[in-house]
Amino acid sequence: MTAVATFFWGWLLTALLLGFCMGWIAVVHRAQGVPKVWIGWLSLLAIALVAASFTRIVPGRFGYWLDLFLVMFALYLCGCAVGSWLRDWVVSRSKPAS
């Protein structure tokens, strides 16, 4: 994991910043949510990918890419969470007291 952070720090930082920006925008965006059936399937896919990474089922270059993808996706989700939290905090502070 140190090698991933050393060689791909720019990509990891970009994933974090992109997640932050998307989280900031997502508070304002009012679209339909993801259906519960899709959430279940996507959760199973995520669990399977993490399990494949931990058990090292995928060897070689593809395993390295899988690890890199999972780290980038985790940083993206953390950026989304922080961005949406900060946007909510800023918007709630700027509302006039009623």
Protein backbone atom coordinates (compact mmCIF):
# COMPACT_ATOMS: atom_id res chain seq x y z
CA MET A 1 0.00 0.00 0.00
CA THR A 2 2.95 2.31 0.55
CA ALA A 3 3.95 1.83 -3.07
CA VAL A 4 0.45 2.79 -4.20
CA ALA A 5 0.54 5.94 -2.07
CA THR A 6 4.06 6.83 -3.24
CA PHE A 7 3.56 6.39 -6.97
CA PHE A 8 -0.09 7.40 -7.32
CA TRP A 9 -0.38 10.19 -4.75
CA GLY A 10 -1.60 12.59 -7.43
CA TRP A 11 -4.37 10.25 -8.52
CA LEU A 12 -5.34 9.56 -4.91
CA LEU A 13 -5.48 13.27 -4.14
CA THR A 14 -7.54 13.85 -7.28
CA ALA A 15 -10.02 11.17 -6.23
CA LEU A 16 -10.34 12.80 -2.80
CA LEU A 17 -10.83 16.29 -4.26
CA LEU A 18 -13.28 15.06 -6.89
CA GLY A 19 -15.27 13.33 -4.15
CA PHE A 20 -15.22 16.54 -2.11
CA CYS A 21 -16.57 18.52 -5.07
CA MET A 22 -19.27 15.96 -5.82
CA GLY A 23 -20.28 15.89 -2.16
CA TRP A 24 -20.51 19.67 -2.14
CA ILE A 25 -22.76 19.61 -5.21
CA ALA A 26 -24.84 16.63 -4.06
CA VAL A 27 -26.47 18.56 -1.22
CA VAL A 28 -28.01 20.93 -3.76
CA HIS A 29 -28.88 18.28 -6.35
CA ARG A 30 -32.42 16.92 -5.89
CA ALA A 31 -32.62 13.84 -8.12
CA GLN A 32 -34.25 10.48 -7.47
CA GLY A 33 -32.26 8.11 -5.30
CA VAL A 34 -30.89 4.73 -6.27
CA PRO A 35 -33.52 1.96 -6.01
CA LYS A 36 -33.14 -0.40 -3.05
CA VAL A 37 -32.65 -3.42 -5.32
CA TRP A 38 -29.67 -1.73 -6.96
CA ILE A 39 -28.26 -0.76 -3.57
CA GLY A 40 -28.33 -4.42 -2.56
CA TRP A 41 -26.57 -5.59 -5.72
CA LEU A 42 -23.98 -2.82 -5.55
CA SER A 43 -23.30 -3.64 -1.90
CA LEU A 44 -22.75 -7.30 -2.79
CA LEU A 45 -20.40 -6.28 -5.60
CA ALA A 46 -18.41 -4.03 -3.25
CA ILE A 47 -18.17 -6.80 -0.63
CA ALA A 48 -17.02 -9.27 -3.28
CA LEU A 49 -14.34 -6.87 -4.57
CA VAL A 50 -13.01 -6.17 -1.08
CA ALA A 51 -12.99 -9.90 -0.29
CA ALA A 52 -11.11 -10.60 -3.54
CA SER A 53 -8.57 -7.95 -2.61
CA PHE A 54 -8.02 -9.26 0.93
CA THR A 55 -7.75 -12.90 -0.13
CA ARG A 56 -5.53 -11.99 -3.11
CA ILE A 57 -7.58 -14.08 -5.53
CA VAL A 58 -6.73 -11.72 -8.39
CA PRO A 59 -2.97 -12.05 -9.07
CA GLY A 60 -0.47 -9.77 -10.75
CA ARG A 61 -1.25 -6.53 -12.47
CA PHE A 62 -5.03 -6.92 -12.24
CA GLY A 63 -4.80 -7.43 -8.49
CA TYR A 64 -2.70 -4.27 -8.23
CA TRP A 65 -5.30 -2.38 -10.26
CA LEU A 66 -8.06 -3.76 -8.03
CA ASP A 67 -6.24 -2.53 -4.92
CA LEU A 68 -5.68 0.87 -6.52
CA PHE A 69 -9.34 1.10 -7.54
CA LEU A 70 -10.55 0.24 -4.05
CA VAL A 71 -8.27 2.80 -2.41
CA MET A 72 -9.32 5.49 -4.89
CA PHE A 73 -12.99 4.63 -4.43
CA ALA A 74 -12.66 4.77 -0.64
CA LEU A 75 -10.98 8.19 -0.86
CA TYR A 76 -13.70 9.37 -3.25
CA LEU A 77 -16.41 8.30 -0.80
CA CYS A 78 -14.61 9.99 2.11
CA GLY A 79 -14.34 13.16 0.04
CA CYS A 80 -18.06 12.95 -0.76
CA ALA A 81 -18.92 12.60 2.91
CA VAL A 82 -16.74 15.54 3.98
CA GLY A 83 -17.92 17.75 1.11
CA SER A 84 -21.61 17.13 1.77
CA TRP A 85 -21.14 17.61 5.52
CA LEU A 86 -19.31 20.91 5.04
CA ARG A 87 -21.87 22.15 2.52
CA ASP A 88 -24.71 21.30 4.90
CA TRP A 89 -22.87 23.05 7.73
CA VAL A 90 -22.23 26.19 5.66
CA VAL A 91 -25.80 26.36 4.36
CA SER A 92 -27.35 25.77 7.78
CA ARG A 93 -25.21 28.53 9.33
CA SER A 94 -26.18 31.07 6.69
CA LYS A 95 -29.95 30.63 7.18
CA PRO A 96 -31.59 33.44 9.12
CA ALA A 97 -32.84 32.55 12.59
CA SER A 98 -36.60 32.17 12.72
